[in-house]
Amino acid sequence: MASLSNITGRELIKFVKSIGYRFDRQNRGNHRIFVHDEKKTLTIPVYKKKMVKIGLLGGILKDIGISKAEFINSIS
């Protein structure tokens, strides 16, 4: 089972695309901007072999409007 401490930027991007976000642009090197018609714009850092920090992931999930448990279940 997946946990919040080992999610990469690429995995997070795959998830946000699956719920309707689309890539808008790349900003500041490794930061990718995703937009949605009804939800907040997201900025997701993508670094090779680096995990998204738990605090940032929690903030992104809050912006999307889903709980941590729902996120873990959806990527498992």
C-alpha atoms as a PDB file:
ATOM      1  CA  MET A   1       0.000   0.000   0.000  1.00  0.00           C
ATOM      2  CA  ALA A   2       1.254   3.452  -0.863  1.00  0.00           C
ATOM      3  CA  SER A   3       1.867   6.119   1.735  1.00  0.00           C
ATOM      4  CA  LEU A   4       2.127   9.870   1.534  1.00  0.00           C
ATOM      5  CA  SER A   5       5.848   9.818   2.272  1.00  0.00           C
ATOM      6  CA  ASN A   6       6.860   8.130  -0.975  1.00  0.00           C
ATOM      7  CA  ILE A   7       4.980   9.928  -3.749  1.00  0.00           C
ATOM      8  CA  THR A   8       7.020  11.366  -6.614  1.00  0.00           C
ATOM      9  CA  GLY A   9       6.072  14.425  -8.611  1.00  0.00           C
ATOM     10  CA  ARG A  10       5.425  12.240 -11.654  1.00  0.00           C
ATOM     11  CA  GLU A  11       2.975  10.052  -9.705  1.00  0.00           C
ATOM     12  CA  LEU A  12       1.194  13.134  -8.412  1.00  0.00           C
ATOM     13  CA  ILE A  13       0.959  14.545 -11.945  1.00  0.00           C
ATOM     14  CA  LYS A  14      -0.541  11.281 -13.205  1.00  0.00           C
ATOM     15  CA  PHE A  15      -3.169  11.514 -10.456  1.00  0.00           C
ATOM     16  CA  VAL A  16      -4.102  15.165 -11.026  1.00  0.00           C
ATOM     17  CA  LYS A  17      -4.454  14.519 -14.760  1.00  0.00           C
ATOM     18  CA  SER A  18      -6.827  11.649 -13.981  1.00  0.00           C
ATOM     19  CA  ILE A  19      -9.150  14.014 -12.088  1.00  0.00           C
ATOM     20  CA  GLY A  20      -9.354  16.617 -14.836  1.00  0.00           C
ATOM     21  CA  TYR A  21      -6.298  18.838 -14.479  1.00  0.00           C
ATOM     22  CA  ARG A  22      -4.337  19.663 -17.613  1.00  0.00           C
ATOM     23  CA  PHE A  23      -0.753  20.812 -18.087  1.00  0.00           C
ATOM     24  CA  ASP A  24      -0.520  24.573 -18.643  1.00  0.00           C
ATOM     25  CA  ARG A  25       3.173  25.431 -18.536  1.00  0.00           C
ATOM     26  CA  GLN A  26       6.514  24.782 -16.877  1.00  0.00           C
ATOM     27  CA  ASN A  27       7.803  27.477 -14.563  1.00  0.00           C
ATOM     28  CA  ARG A  28      11.014  27.966 -12.604  1.00  0.00           C
ATOM     29  CA  GLY A  29      12.865  24.986 -14.011  1.00  0.00           C
ATOM     30  CA  ASN A  30      11.273  21.912 -12.480  1.00  0.00           C
ATOM     31  CA  HIS A  31       7.887  23.309 -11.439  1.00  0.00           C
ATOM     32  CA  ARG A  32       4.916  22.392 -13.606  1.00  0.00           C
ATOM     33  CA  ILE A  33       1.662  24.329 -13.577  1.00  0.00           C
ATOM     34  CA  PHE A  34      -1.664  22.490 -13.942  1.00  0.00           C
ATOM     35  CA  VAL A  35      -5.069  24.111 -14.412  1.00  0.00           C
ATOM     36  CA  HIS A  36      -8.638  22.921 -13.917  1.00  0.00           C
ATOM     37  CA  ASP A  37     -11.865  24.598 -14.998  1.00  0.00           C
ATOM     38  CA  GLU A  38     -13.405  24.487 -11.513  1.00  0.00           C
ATOM     39  CA  LYS A  39     -10.525  24.080  -9.049  1.00  0.00           C
ATOM     40  CA  LYS A  40      -7.395  25.966  -8.017  1.00  0.00           C
ATOM     41  CA  THR A  41      -4.304  26.055 -10.209  1.00  0.00           C
ATOM     42  CA  LEU A  42      -1.599  23.675  -8.939  1.00  0.00           C
ATOM     43  CA  THR A  43       2.177  23.986  -9.009  1.00  0.00           C
ATOM     44  CA  ILE A  44       3.908  20.614  -8.753  1.00  0.00           C
ATOM     45  CA  PRO A  45       7.692  20.229  -8.404  1.00  0.00           C
ATOM     46  CA  VAL A  46       9.197  17.379 -10.419  1.00  0.00           C
ATOM     47  CA  TYR A  47      12.732  16.306  -9.556  1.00  0.00           C
ATOM     48  CA  LYS A  48      14.446  13.085 -10.530  1.00  0.00           C
ATOM     49  CA  LYS A  49      14.188  10.485  -7.760  1.00  0.00           C
ATOM     50  CA  LYS A  50      12.897  13.017  -5.205  1.00  0.00           C
ATOM     51  CA  MET A  51       9.680  12.601  -3.280  1.00  0.00           C
ATOM     52  CA  VAL A  52       7.121  15.363  -2.812  1.00  0.00           C
ATOM     53  CA  LYS A  53       7.355  16.565   0.785  1.00  0.00           C
ATOM     54  CA  ILE A  54       4.396  15.617   2.975  1.00  0.00           C
ATOM     55  CA  GLY A  55       3.459  19.208   3.827  1.00  0.00           C
ATOM     56  CA  LEU A  56       3.367  20.235   0.174  1.00  0.00           C
ATOM     57  CA  LEU A  57       1.403  17.133  -0.772  1.00  0.00           C
ATOM     58  CA  GLY A  58      -1.096  17.825   2.013  1.00  0.00           C
ATOM     59  CA  GLY A  59      -1.557  21.383   0.739  1.00  0.00           C
ATOM     60  CA  ILE A  60      -2.100  20.180  -2.827  1.00  0.00           C
ATOM     61  CA  LEU A  61      -4.663  17.613  -1.677  1.00  0.00           C
ATOM     62  CA  LYS A  62      -6.456  20.333   0.298  1.00  0.00           C
ATOM     63  CA  ASP A  63      -6.554  22.549  -2.815  1.00  0.00           C
ATOM     64  CA  ILE A  64      -7.940  19.653  -4.861  1.00  0.00           C
ATOM     65  CA  GLY A  65     -10.531  18.935  -2.171  1.00  0.00           C
ATOM     66  CA  ILE A  66      -9.809  15.295  -1.364  1.00  0.00           C
ATOM     67  CA  SER A  67      -8.631  13.630   1.823  1.00  0.00           C
ATOM     68  CA  LYS A  68      -5.299  11.894   2.272  1.00  0.00           C
ATOM     69  CA  ALA A  69      -7.099   8.540   2.660  1.00  0.00           C
ATOM     70  CA  GLU A  70      -8.990   9.027  -0.625  1.00  0.00           C
ATOM     71  CA  PHE A  71      -5.722   9.898  -2.366  1.00  0.00           C
ATOM     72  CA  ILE A  72      -3.934   6.815  -1.032  1.00  0.00           C
ATOM     73  CA  ASN A  73      -6.845   4.569  -2.045  1.00  0.00           C
ATOM     74  CA  SER A  74      -6.945   6.030  -5.539  1.00  0.00           C
ATOM     75  CA  ILE A  75      -3.251   5.438  -6.247  1.00  0.00           C
ATOM     76  CA  SER A  76      -3.090   1.951  -4.703  1.00  0.00           C
END
